Amino acid sequence: MNGWVSPALGIRFEIDANGWTIYHPDGTPFTSHLDLARLRHKAEQNRAIAEYERQRADTEKTAALKVAADQAAEIARLRELLKLQ
């Protein structure tokens, strides 16, 4: 089987120190189940980081809006005080 190419699929099978490697017809290796698991884990980590950053940005935006509203209210209060004098 080492070096055998499937006539129907055009894929090649090779045996190396790590076991079997299967190659696409263009010569690129298929992703191993271990590499696929690593890619999935990395994708999950990236999704978790993105969600954390989104939540942090939402929190910062909410805080900034509250500060702006508080400042606007204080300005309005000071203007009313100045009108009374």
N, C-alpha and C. Protein backbone atom coordinates (compact mmCIF):
# COMPACT_ATOMS: atom_id res chain seq x y z
N MET A 1 0.82 -1.21 0.00
CA MET A 1 0.00 0.00 0.00
C MET A 1 0.86 1.26 0.00
N ASN A 2 2.11 1.18 0.50
CA ASN A 2 2.93 2.38 0.56
C ASN A 2 3.18 2.92 -0.84
N GLY A 3 2.74 4.17 -1.06
CA GLY A 3 2.89 4.79 -2.37
C GLY A 3 1.75 4.49 -3.33
N TRP A 4 0.79 3.68 -2.90
CA TRP A 4 -0.31 3.31 -3.78
C TRP A 4 -1.20 4.51 -4.03
N VAL A 5 -1.64 4.66 -5.29
CA VAL A 5 -2.55 5.75 -5.69
C VAL A 5 -3.86 5.12 -6.11
N SER A 6 -4.94 5.60 -5.51
CA SER A 6 -6.26 5.10 -5.85
C SER A 6 -6.61 5.53 -7.27
N PRO A 7 -6.92 4.59 -8.14
CA PRO A 7 -7.29 4.97 -9.51
C PRO A 7 -8.60 5.75 -9.56
N ALA A 8 -9.51 5.45 -8.64
CA ALA A 8 -10.82 6.11 -8.67
C ALA A 8 -10.76 7.52 -8.06
N LEU A 9 -9.99 7.68 -6.98
CA LEU A 9 -9.98 8.95 -6.26
C LEU A 9 -8.73 9.79 -6.53
N GLY A 10 -7.67 9.16 -6.98
CA GLY A 10 -6.43 9.88 -7.23
C GLY A 10 -5.66 10.23 -5.96
N ILE A 11 -6.07 9.64 -4.82
CA ILE A 11 -5.35 9.93 -3.58
C ILE A 11 -4.22 8.91 -3.39
N ARG A 12 -3.17 9.37 -2.71
CA ARG A 12 -1.99 8.52 -2.50
C ARG A 12 -1.82 8.21 -1.02
N PHE A 13 -1.41 7.00 -0.73
CA PHE A 13 -1.17 6.55 0.64
C PHE A 13 0.32 6.37 0.85
N GLU A 14 0.82 6.93 1.97
CA GLU A 14 2.24 6.79 2.31
C GLU A 14 2.35 6.38 3.78
N ILE A 15 3.36 5.58 4.08
CA ILE A 15 3.67 5.23 5.45
C ILE A 15 4.95 5.98 5.82
N ASP A 16 4.90 6.66 6.98
CA ASP A 16 6.10 7.33 7.47
C ASP A 16 6.24 7.05 8.96
N ALA A 17 7.14 7.74 9.62
CA ALA A 17 7.40 7.50 11.04
C ALA A 17 6.18 7.75 11.91
N ASN A 18 5.27 8.62 11.46
CA ASN A 18 4.08 8.96 12.23
C ASN A 18 2.88 8.08 11.89
N GLY A 19 3.03 7.18 10.97
CA GLY A 19 1.92 6.33 10.54
C GLY A 19 1.54 6.63 9.11
N TRP A 20 0.27 6.51 8.82
CA TRP A 20 -0.22 6.75 7.47
C TRP A 20 -0.39 8.24 7.21
N THR A 21 -0.03 8.63 6.01
CA THR A 21 -0.37 9.96 5.51
C THR A 21 -1.06 9.75 4.18
N ILE A 22 -2.18 10.42 4.02
CA ILE A 22 -2.95 10.32 2.79
C ILE A 22 -2.90 11.67 2.09
N TYR A 23 -2.61 11.64 0.79
CA TYR A 23 -2.43 12.87 0.03
C TYR A 23 -3.55 13.06 -0.98
N HIS A 24 -3.98 14.30 -1.12
CA HIS A 24 -4.95 14.68 -2.15
C HIS A 24 -4.30 14.46 -3.53
N PRO A 25 -5.11 14.44 -4.57
CA PRO A 25 -4.55 14.30 -5.91
C PRO A 25 -3.53 15.39 -6.27
N ASP A 26 -3.66 16.57 -5.65
CA ASP A 26 -2.70 17.65 -5.95
C ASP A 26 -1.42 17.54 -5.13
N GLY A 27 -1.31 16.51 -4.27
CA GLY A 27 -0.10 16.27 -3.50
C GLY A 27 -0.10 16.84 -2.10
N THR A 28 -1.14 17.59 -1.74
CA THR A 28 -1.21 18.11 -0.38
C THR A 28 -1.78 17.04 0.55
N PRO A 29 -1.24 16.96 1.77
CA PRO A 29 -1.74 15.92 2.68
C PRO A 29 -3.12 16.26 3.23
N PHE A 30 -3.91 15.23 3.47
CA PHE A 30 -5.16 15.41 4.17
C PHE A 30 -4.84 15.84 5.60
N THR A 31 -5.71 16.61 6.21
CA THR A 31 -5.53 17.01 7.60
C THR A 31 -5.76 15.79 8.49
N SER A 32 -4.81 15.54 9.39
CA SER A 32 -4.95 14.40 10.29
C SER A 32 -6.01 14.70 11.34
N HIS A 33 -6.49 13.66 12.00
CA HIS A 33 -7.50 13.86 13.04
C HIS A 33 -6.92 14.66 14.20
N LEU A 34 -5.62 14.52 14.48
CA LEU A 34 -4.99 15.30 15.55
C LEU A 34 -4.90 16.78 15.16
N ASP A 35 -4.49 17.03 13.92
CA ASP A 35 -4.42 18.42 13.46
C ASP A 35 -5.81 19.05 13.42
N LEU A 36 -6.80 18.28 13.00
CA LEU A 36 -8.16 18.78 12.96
C LEU A 36 -8.65 19.13 14.37
N ALA A 37 -8.34 18.28 15.35
CA ALA A 37 -8.73 18.55 16.74
C ALA A 37 -8.04 19.83 17.24
N ARG A 38 -6.77 20.01 16.89
CA ARG A 38 -6.06 21.23 17.28
C ARG A 38 -6.70 22.47 16.64
N LEU A 39 -7.05 22.35 15.37
CA LEU A 39 -7.69 23.48 14.68
C LEU A 39 -9.03 23.83 15.31
N ARG A 40 -9.81 22.80 15.66
CA ARG A 40 -11.11 23.05 16.31
C ARG A 40 -10.92 23.72 17.66
N HIS A 41 -9.93 23.23 18.43
CA HIS A 41 -9.65 23.81 19.75
C HIS A 41 -9.24 25.28 19.60
N LYS A 42 -8.37 25.56 18.64
CA LYS A 42 -7.92 26.94 18.40
C LYS A 42 -9.10 27.82 17.99
N ALA A 43 -9.99 27.29 17.16
CA ALA A 43 -11.16 28.05 16.73
C ALA A 43 -12.06 28.36 17.92
N GLU A 44 -12.24 27.39 18.82
CA GLU A 44 -13.05 27.62 20.02
C GLU A 44 -12.41 28.68 20.91
N GLN A 45 -11.09 28.63 21.05
CA GLN A 45 -10.40 29.64 21.83
C GLN A 45 -10.60 31.02 21.21
N ASN A 46 -10.47 31.11 19.90
CA ASN A 46 -10.65 32.39 19.22
C ASN A 46 -12.07 32.92 19.38
N ARG A 47 -13.06 32.02 19.31
CA ARG A 47 -14.46 32.44 19.52
C ARG A 47 -14.65 32.96 20.94
N ALA A 48 -14.06 32.29 21.93
CA ALA A 48 -14.19 32.72 23.33
C ALA A 48 -13.53 34.07 23.54
N ILE A 49 -12.37 34.27 22.94
CA ILE A 49 -11.68 35.56 23.06
C ILE A 49 -12.51 36.66 22.41
N ALA A 50 -13.05 36.38 21.24
CA ALA A 50 -13.87 37.38 20.54
C ALA A 50 -15.11 37.74 21.35
N GLU A 51 -15.74 36.75 21.96
CA GLU A 51 -16.93 37.01 22.79
C GLU A 51 -16.56 37.85 24.01
N TYR A 52 -15.44 37.52 24.65
CA TYR A 52 -14.98 38.30 25.80
C TYR A 52 -14.72 39.75 25.39
N GLU A 53 -14.06 39.95 24.26
CA GLU A 53 -13.76 41.31 23.78
C GLU A 53 -15.04 42.06 23.44
N ARG A 54 -16.02 41.36 22.86
CA ARG A 54 -17.30 42.00 22.54
C ARG A 54 -18.00 42.46 23.81
N GLN A 55 -18.01 41.59 24.82
CA GLN A 55 -18.66 41.95 26.09
C GLN A 55 -17.93 43.10 26.77
N ARG A 56 -16.60 43.08 26.71
CA ARG A 56 -15.82 44.17 27.31
C ARG A 56 -16.10 45.48 26.60
N ALA A 57 -16.19 45.44 25.27
CA ALA A 57 -16.49 46.66 24.50
C ALA A 57 -17.89 47.17 24.84
N ASP A 58 -18.85 46.26 24.99
CA ASP A 58 -20.22 46.67 25.36
C ASP A 58 -20.23 47.33 26.74
N THR A 59 -19.47 46.76 27.68
CA THR A 59 -19.39 47.33 29.02
C THR A 59 -18.78 48.73 28.98
N GLU A 60 -17.70 48.88 28.22
CA GLU A 60 -17.06 50.19 28.10
C GLU A 60 -17.99 51.20 27.44
N LYS A 61 -18.72 50.76 26.43
CA LYS A 61 -19.66 51.66 25.75
C LYS A 61 -20.76 52.11 26.70
N THR A 62 -21.29 51.17 27.47
CA THR A 62 -22.34 51.50 28.45
C THR A 62 -21.81 52.50 29.47
N ALA A 63 -20.59 52.28 29.96
CA ALA A 63 -20.00 53.19 30.94
C ALA A 63 -19.80 54.58 30.33
N ALA A 64 -19.33 54.64 29.10
CA ALA A 64 -19.10 55.93 28.44
C ALA A 64 -20.43 56.67 28.24
N LEU A 65 -21.48 55.95 27.87
CA LEU A 65 -22.79 56.58 27.68
C LEU A 65 -23.32 57.13 29.00
N LYS A 66 -23.09 56.41 30.09
CA LYS A 66 -23.54 56.87 31.41
C LYS A 66 -22.79 58.13 31.81
N VAL A 67 -21.48 58.16 31.58
CA VAL A 67 -20.69 59.36 31.89
C VAL A 67 -21.21 60.54 31.08
N ALA A 68 -21.46 60.34 29.81
CA ALA A 68 -21.95 61.42 28.95
C ALA A 68 -23.32 61.91 29.43
N ALA A 69 -24.19 61.00 29.81
CA ALA A 69 -25.52 61.38 30.31
C ALA A 69 -25.39 62.14 31.63
N ASP A 70 -24.52 61.68 32.51
CA ASP A 70 -24.31 62.37 33.79
C ASP A 70 -23.76 63.78 33.56
N GLN A 71 -22.83 63.91 32.61
CA GLN A 71 -22.28 65.23 32.31
C GLN A 71 -23.34 66.15 31.73
N ALA A 72 -24.17 65.63 30.85
CA ALA A 72 -25.24 66.44 30.26
C ALA A 72 -26.22 66.88 31.34
N ALA A 73 -26.54 66.00 32.27
CA ALA A 73 -27.45 66.35 33.36
C ALA A 73 -26.83 67.42 34.25
N GLU A 74 -25.55 67.30 34.54
CA GLU A 74 -24.86 68.29 35.37
C GLU A 74 -24.81 69.65 34.68
N ILE A 75 -24.54 69.66 33.38
CA ILE A 75 -24.53 70.91 32.62
C ILE A 75 -25.91 71.56 32.67
N ALA A 76 -26.95 70.76 32.48
CA ALA A 76 -28.32 71.29 32.52
C ALA A 76 -28.62 71.85 33.91
N ARG A 77 -28.18 71.17 34.95
CA ARG A 77 -28.42 71.63 36.32
C ARG A 77 -27.69 72.96 36.56
N LEU A 78 -26.45 73.06 36.11
CA LEU A 78 -25.69 74.31 36.28
C LEU A 78 -26.33 75.45 35.50
N ARG A 79 -26.83 75.20 34.32
CA ARG A 79 -27.50 76.24 33.54
C ARG A 79 -28.74 76.75 34.27
N GLU A 80 -29.48 75.83 34.88
CA GLU A 80 -30.67 76.24 35.65
C GLU A 80 -30.27 77.08 36.85
N LEU A 81 -29.19 76.69 37.50
CA LEU A 81 -28.71 77.48 38.65
C LEU A 81 -28.30 78.89 38.23
N LEU A 82 -27.65 78.99 37.07
CA LEU A 82 -27.23 80.30 36.58
C LEU A 82 -28.43 81.17 36.20
N LYS A 83 -29.50 80.56 35.71
CA LYS A 83 -30.69 81.31 35.35
C LYS A 83 -31.37 81.90 36.59
N LEU A 84 -31.25 81.21 37.72
CA LEU A 84 -31.89 81.65 38.95
C LEU A 84 -31.19 82.85 39.57
N GLN A 85 -29.97 83.09 39.22
CA GLN A 85 -29.22 84.18 39.85
C GLN A 85 -29.46 85.49 39.20
